[in-house]
Amino acid sequence: YLEAVKYARNQLRRDKGLPLSVRLFNGTHKRLMTGTRGQNKQPGKVRRSQNWIGGTRPGNARFVPPPPHRITDLLGDLENYLNSEGILPPLIRAGLAHAQFETIHPYLDGNGRLGRLLIALCIEEWGLLTEPLLYLSLFFKRHRDEYYTRLSAIRTGGDWEGWLAYFLEGVAVVSEESVGMIRSLFDVLTRDRSHYLESGNVTVVGARLFENLPRNPLVTVKSVVKICRTSSPTAAKAIDSLCTVGILEETSGRSRDRVYAYREYLDLLRQGTEL
């Protein structure tokens, strides 16, 4: 997932990179599906066969997306919409784009994952945020039945207003939760920084490593060598110093190539993701 996000953001940022487009979708989808459920279902390629959602066949499915011969034109329309000068506010456009992408359902698997990522990419690309901090996945999971009901109401009755009301409620809820999460993470970092610097175990490389833990909450001696540009013995000593004060914790249980986690920081990030 992180590789897919990195790829998409790099493409959108580069002067000669891809815009929000089918080619960007394909490249992101290929990376998103690598090593995950559905990796054998033509990752990075628009489907050439009929798919459906729910049921055992199109005849008893909850929803049957458009047939494969229409996908190219429908994705072309969506691409044009994403790159046009819209008169609607960006949040509304992001909600409309997500619903349209999920309705087209252009891949054999992974449409939900890519469709949710599309929201974050639109919000960043259209200037509402400078980082992909707003992910609605958890809100959609918490209210899964309403999510499908609202999308279905668009397809059967054209109820775009109902979908957008639900979508914007999700944006508001997740925004408030994200602010609270950021504050909690900041408090943990501030407390642990003081605790480490005031301990008798602090090292120069350990202090440097601590400042990099928010971006690298899982580390190995090898990764610390690269992050801190130091030697393996010095990296190991830095990790040991952070373990001694309870900031890092060994999680692999191995005697070699051990993995160390900033457990409390990761636990905060994982809150609610078990849904």
Protein backbone atom coordinates (compact mmCIF):
# COMPACT_ATOMS: atom_id res chain seq x y z
CA TYR A 1 0.00 0.00 0.00
CA LEU A 2 2.77 2.44 0.93
CA GLU A 3 4.57 1.74 -2.35
CA ALA A 4 1.35 2.49 -4.24
CA VAL A 5 0.85 5.77 -2.39
CA LYS A 6 4.48 6.76 -2.94
CA TYR A 7 4.29 5.97 -6.65
CA ALA A 8 1.06 7.93 -7.19
CA ARG A 9 2.23 10.98 -5.23
CA ASN A 10 5.59 11.06 -7.01
CA GLN A 11 3.88 10.92 -10.39
CA LEU A 12 1.52 13.76 -9.52
CA ARG A 13 4.35 15.92 -8.15
CA ARG A 14 6.78 15.51 -11.05
CA ASP A 15 6.68 18.05 -13.89
CA LYS A 16 6.59 15.22 -16.43
CA GLY A 17 4.73 12.77 -14.22
CA LEU A 18 1.28 11.35 -14.82
CA PRO A 19 -1.84 13.36 -13.95
CA LEU A 20 -4.95 11.81 -12.38
CA SER A 21 -5.54 9.40 -15.23
CA VAL A 22 -6.12 5.81 -16.30
CA ARG A 23 -2.36 5.31 -16.68
CA LEU A 24 -1.86 6.51 -13.10
CA PHE A 25 -4.67 4.21 -11.92
CA ASN A 26 -3.05 1.23 -13.65
CA GLY A 27 0.41 1.88 -12.23
CA THR A 28 -0.95 2.45 -8.75
CA HIS A 29 -3.20 -0.60 -8.93
CA LYS A 30 -0.27 -2.80 -9.99
CA ARG A 31 1.71 -1.75 -6.92
CA LEU A 32 -1.30 -1.85 -4.63
CA MET A 33 -2.01 -5.48 -5.48
CA THR A 34 1.56 -6.77 -5.21
CA GLY A 35 1.81 -9.39 -2.48
CA THR A 36 -1.84 -9.01 -1.42
CA ARG A 37 -5.18 -10.69 -1.88
CA GLY A 38 -6.04 -10.49 -5.57
CA GLN A 39 -2.45 -10.30 -6.82
CA ASN A 40 -3.25 -12.95 -9.44
CA LYS A 41 -6.20 -11.01 -10.85
CA GLN A 42 -4.44 -8.97 -13.53
CA PRO A 43 -2.95 -6.20 -11.37
CA GLY A 44 -2.54 -2.95 -13.28
CA LYS A 45 -4.81 -4.03 -16.12
CA VAL A 46 -8.36 -2.90 -16.77
CA ARG A 47 -10.69 -5.89 -16.74
CA ARG A 48 -11.79 -7.64 -19.94
CA SER A 49 -14.48 -9.74 -18.32
CA GLN A 50 -17.63 -9.05 -16.36
CA ASN A 51 -17.40 -8.73 -12.59
CA TRP A 52 -20.07 -8.32 -9.92
CA ILE A 53 -20.46 -7.52 -6.24
CA GLY A 54 -22.22 -9.94 -3.91
CA GLY A 55 -23.99 -13.11 -4.97
CA THR A 56 -22.60 -16.00 -6.97
CA ARG A 57 -23.32 -14.69 -10.47
CA PRO A 58 -24.56 -11.50 -12.14
CA GLY A 59 -28.15 -12.73 -11.88
CA ASN A 60 -28.22 -12.66 -8.07
CA ALA A 61 -25.52 -10.04 -7.45
CA ARG A 62 -26.02 -6.93 -5.33
CA PHE A 63 -24.49 -4.82 -8.07
CA VAL A 64 -23.28 -5.54 -11.61
CA PRO A 65 -20.80 -2.93 -12.96
CA PRO A 66 -20.78 -1.90 -16.62
CA PRO A 67 -19.72 -4.53 -19.18
CA PRO A 68 -16.04 -4.58 -20.21
CA HIS A 69 -16.60 -3.06 -23.65
CA ARG A 70 -17.79 0.17 -22.00
CA ILE A 71 -14.94 0.54 -19.48
CA THR A 72 -12.55 2.46 -21.75
CA ASP A 73 -15.09 5.19 -22.56
CA LEU A 74 -16.31 5.45 -18.96
CA LEU A 75 -12.78 5.76 -17.58
CA GLY A 76 -12.06 8.34 -20.25
CA ASP A 77 -15.02 10.41 -19.06
CA LEU A 78 -13.82 10.12 -15.45
CA GLU A 79 -10.28 11.14 -16.44
CA ASN A 80 -11.62 14.20 -18.26
CA TYR A 81 -13.66 15.14 -15.20
CA LEU A 82 -10.68 14.79 -12.86
CA ASN A 83 -8.57 17.09 -15.04
CA SER A 84 -11.19 19.70 -15.91
CA GLU A 85 -11.78 23.02 -14.21
CA GLY A 86 -14.71 22.08 -12.02
CA ILE A 87 -17.21 24.59 -10.71
CA LEU A 88 -17.94 22.46 -7.65
CA PRO A 89 -15.84 22.58 -4.46
CA PRO A 90 -12.96 20.07 -4.44
CA LEU A 91 -14.44 17.96 -1.63
CA ILE A 92 -17.66 17.52 -3.57
CA ARG A 93 -15.71 16.59 -6.69
CA ALA A 94 -13.67 14.02 -4.72
CA GLY A 95 -16.87 12.44 -3.44
CA LEU A 96 -18.36 12.30 -6.93
CA ALA A 97 -15.15 10.85 -8.38
CA HIS A 98 -15.03 8.08 -5.79
CA ALA A 99 -18.62 7.07 -6.40
CA GLN A 100 -18.11 7.05 -10.17
CA PHE A 101 -14.91 5.00 -9.91
CA GLU A 102 -16.60 2.42 -7.68
CA THR A 103 -19.54 2.24 -10.07
CA ILE A 104 -17.27 1.60 -13.07
CA HIS A 105 -15.34 -0.99 -11.01
CA PRO A 106 -12.63 -1.20 -13.69
CA TYR A 107 -10.49 -3.96 -12.17
CA LEU A 108 -11.15 -7.57 -11.25
CA ASP A 109 -10.11 -6.88 -7.66
CA GLY A 110 -8.82 -4.01 -5.55
CA ASN A 111 -11.36 -1.43 -6.73
CA GLY A 112 -12.32 -0.43 -3.19
CA ARG A 113 -8.72 0.03 -2.10
CA LEU A 114 -7.83 2.11 -5.13
CA GLY A 115 -11.10 4.06 -4.99
CA ARG A 116 -10.43 5.08 -1.39
CA LEU A 117 -6.88 6.06 -2.25
CA LEU A 118 -8.26 8.16 -5.12
CA ILE A 119 -10.04 10.36 -2.56
CA ALA A 120 -6.76 11.15 -0.77
CA LEU A 121 -4.97 11.81 -4.06
CA CYS A 122 -7.71 14.19 -5.26
CA ILE A 123 -7.70 16.12 -1.99
CA GLU A 124 -3.92 16.57 -2.18
CA GLU A 125 -3.77 17.23 -5.92
CA TRP A 126 -6.49 19.88 -5.71
CA GLY A 127 -4.70 21.76 -2.94
CA LEU A 128 -6.81 21.02 0.13
CA LEU A 129 -3.96 19.26 1.95
CA THR A 130 -0.21 19.07 1.35
CA GLU A 131 0.06 15.52 2.72
CA PRO A 132 -2.29 12.50 2.41
CA LEU A 133 -3.60 12.83 5.95
CA LEU A 134 -7.31 12.24 5.29
CA TYR A 135 -8.28 8.61 4.77
CA LEU A 136 -11.96 7.72 4.88
CA SER A 137 -11.43 3.95 4.89
CA LEU A 138 -12.16 3.55 8.61
CA PHE A 139 -15.33 5.65 8.40
CA PHE A 140 -16.56 3.57 5.47
CA LYS A 141 -15.82 0.38 7.42
CA ARG A 142 -17.63 1.61 10.52
CA HIS A 143 -20.66 2.47 8.42
CA ARG A 144 -20.28 -0.21 5.77
CA ASP A 145 -24.01 -0.87 5.28
CA GLU A 146 -24.78 2.80 4.76
CA TYR A 147 -21.81 3.10 2.40
CA TYR A 148 -23.23 0.45 0.08
CA THR A 149 -26.78 1.75 0.49
CA ARG A 150 -25.77 5.27 -0.51
CA LEU A 151 -23.82 4.07 -3.55
CA SER A 152 -26.71 1.85 -4.57
CA ALA A 153 -29.12 4.77 -4.26
CA ILE A 154 -27.04 6.70 -6.81
CA ARG A 155 -27.20 3.83 -9.28
CA THR A 156 -30.89 3.07 -8.90
CA GLY A 157 -32.40 6.47 -8.13
CA GLY A 158 -29.79 9.12 -8.86
CA ASP A 159 -29.56 10.12 -5.18
CA TRP A 160 -26.27 12.00 -5.40
CA GLU A 161 -27.30 14.34 -2.59
CA GLY A 162 -27.69 11.46 -0.12
CA TRP A 163 -24.30 10.07 -1.05
CA LEU A 164 -22.60 13.46 -0.72
CA ALA A 165 -24.18 14.10 2.68
CA TYR A 166 -22.80 10.76 3.89
CA PHE A 167 -19.40 11.43 2.29
CA LEU A 168 -19.06 14.91 3.81
CA GLU A 169 -20.07 13.61 7.22
CA GLY A 170 -17.21 11.14 6.90
CA VAL A 171 -14.80 13.93 6.00
CA ALA A 172 -15.86 15.92 9.08
CA VAL A 173 -15.63 12.94 11.45
CA VAL A 174 -12.28 11.73 10.15
CA SER A 175 -10.85 15.26 10.16
CA GLU A 176 -11.68 15.70 13.85
CA GLU A 177 -10.30 12.26 14.69
CA SER A 178 -7.13 12.98 12.71
CA VAL A 179 -6.51 16.20 14.63
CA GLY A 180 -6.93 14.32 17.90
CA MET A 181 -4.58 11.58 16.69
CA ILE A 182 -1.91 14.10 15.65
CA ARG A 183 -2.09 15.72 19.09
CA SER A 184 -1.72 12.35 20.80
CA LEU A 185 1.27 11.44 18.63
CA PHE A 186 2.86 14.81 19.38
CA ASP A 187 2.36 14.30 23.12
CA VAL A 188 3.98 10.84 23.00
CA LEU A 189 6.96 12.16 21.02
CA THR A 190 7.44 15.10 23.37
CA ARG A 191 7.28 12.91 26.47
CA ASP A 192 9.60 10.22 25.07
CA ARG A 193 12.11 12.75 23.75
CA SER A 194 12.45 14.32 27.19
CA HIS A 195 12.63 10.91 28.85
CA TYR A 196 15.40 9.76 26.54
CA LEU A 197 17.48 12.95 26.67
CA GLU A 198 17.29 13.01 30.47
CA SER A 199 18.26 9.35 30.80
CA GLY A 200 21.79 8.17 31.29
CA ASN A 201 21.63 6.11 28.12
CA VAL A 202 21.45 8.82 25.47
CA THR A 203 23.84 8.69 22.49
CA VAL A 204 24.25 11.16 19.64
CA VAL A 205 23.12 8.65 17.04
CA GLY A 206 20.33 7.48 19.35
CA ALA A 207 18.99 11.03 19.55
CA ARG A 208 19.18 11.31 15.76
CA LEU A 209 17.40 7.99 15.38
CA PHE A 210 14.64 9.05 17.76
CA GLU A 211 13.83 12.06 15.58
CA ASN A 212 13.48 9.70 12.61
CA LEU A 213 11.17 7.21 14.36
CA PRO A 214 7.90 8.92 13.29
CA ARG A 215 8.86 8.21 9.66
CA ASN A 216 10.47 4.86 10.49
CA PRO A 217 8.67 3.32 13.49
CA LEU A 218 10.02 -0.12 12.53
CA VAL A 219 13.81 -0.34 12.30
CA THR A 220 16.67 -2.82 12.01
CA VAL A 221 20.39 -2.29 12.51
CA LYS A 222 20.74 -2.24 8.73
CA SER A 223 18.05 0.40 8.28
CA VAL A 224 19.51 2.58 11.05
CA VAL A 225 22.91 2.47 9.34
CA LYS A 226 21.24 3.98 6.29
CA ILE A 227 18.95 6.41 8.14
CA CYS A 228 21.65 7.81 10.40
CA ARG A 229 24.61 7.27 8.05
CA THR A 230 26.62 5.46 10.65
CA SER A 231 28.34 2.13 11.26
CA SER A 232 26.63 -1.10 12.31
CA PRO A 233 28.12 -1.13 15.86
CA THR A 234 27.06 2.49 16.41
CA ALA A 235 23.59 1.78 15.02
CA ALA A 236 23.22 -1.24 17.32
CA LYS A 237 24.30 0.86 20.30
CA ALA A 238 21.73 3.55 19.41
CA ILE A 239 18.96 0.95 19.19
CA ASP A 240 20.01 -0.59 22.52
CA SER A 241 19.90 2.80 24.21
CA LEU A 242 16.33 3.36 23.02
CA CYS A 243 15.32 -0.15 24.08
CA THR A 244 16.77 0.38 27.55
CA VAL A 245 14.47 3.34 28.23
CA GLY A 246 11.44 1.52 26.77
CA ILE A 247 11.00 3.48 23.56
CA LEU A 248 11.92 0.70 21.15
CA GLU A 249 10.97 -2.94 21.59
CA GLU A 250 12.30 -6.00 19.78
CA THR A 251 9.39 -7.66 17.98
CA SER A 252 10.78 -10.34 15.67
CA GLY A 253 12.03 -12.81 18.28
CA ARG A 254 14.97 -13.62 16.02
CA SER A 255 18.63 -13.77 17.00
CA ARG A 256 19.68 -12.20 13.68
CA ASP A 257 18.14 -9.45 11.54
CA ARG A 258 16.06 -8.35 14.49
CA VAL A 259 13.23 -5.85 14.08
CA TYR A 260 12.56 -3.09 16.60
CA ALA A 261 9.28 -1.19 16.92
CA TYR A 262 8.25 2.12 18.40
CA ARG A 263 5.35 0.23 19.93
CA GLU A 264 3.34 3.01 21.57
CA TYR A 265 3.52 5.20 18.47
CA LEU A 266 2.39 2.33 16.25
CA ASP A 267 -0.40 1.39 18.65
CA LEU A 268 -1.80 4.91 18.35
CA LEU A 269 -1.67 4.73 14.56
CA ARG A 270 -3.47 1.39 14.60
CA GLN A 271 -6.36 2.51 16.79
CA GLY A 272 -9.63 1.47 15.19
CA THR A 273 -8.04 -0.35 12.27
CA GLU A 274 -9.15 -3.70 13.63
CA LEU A 275 -12.66 -3.00 12.35
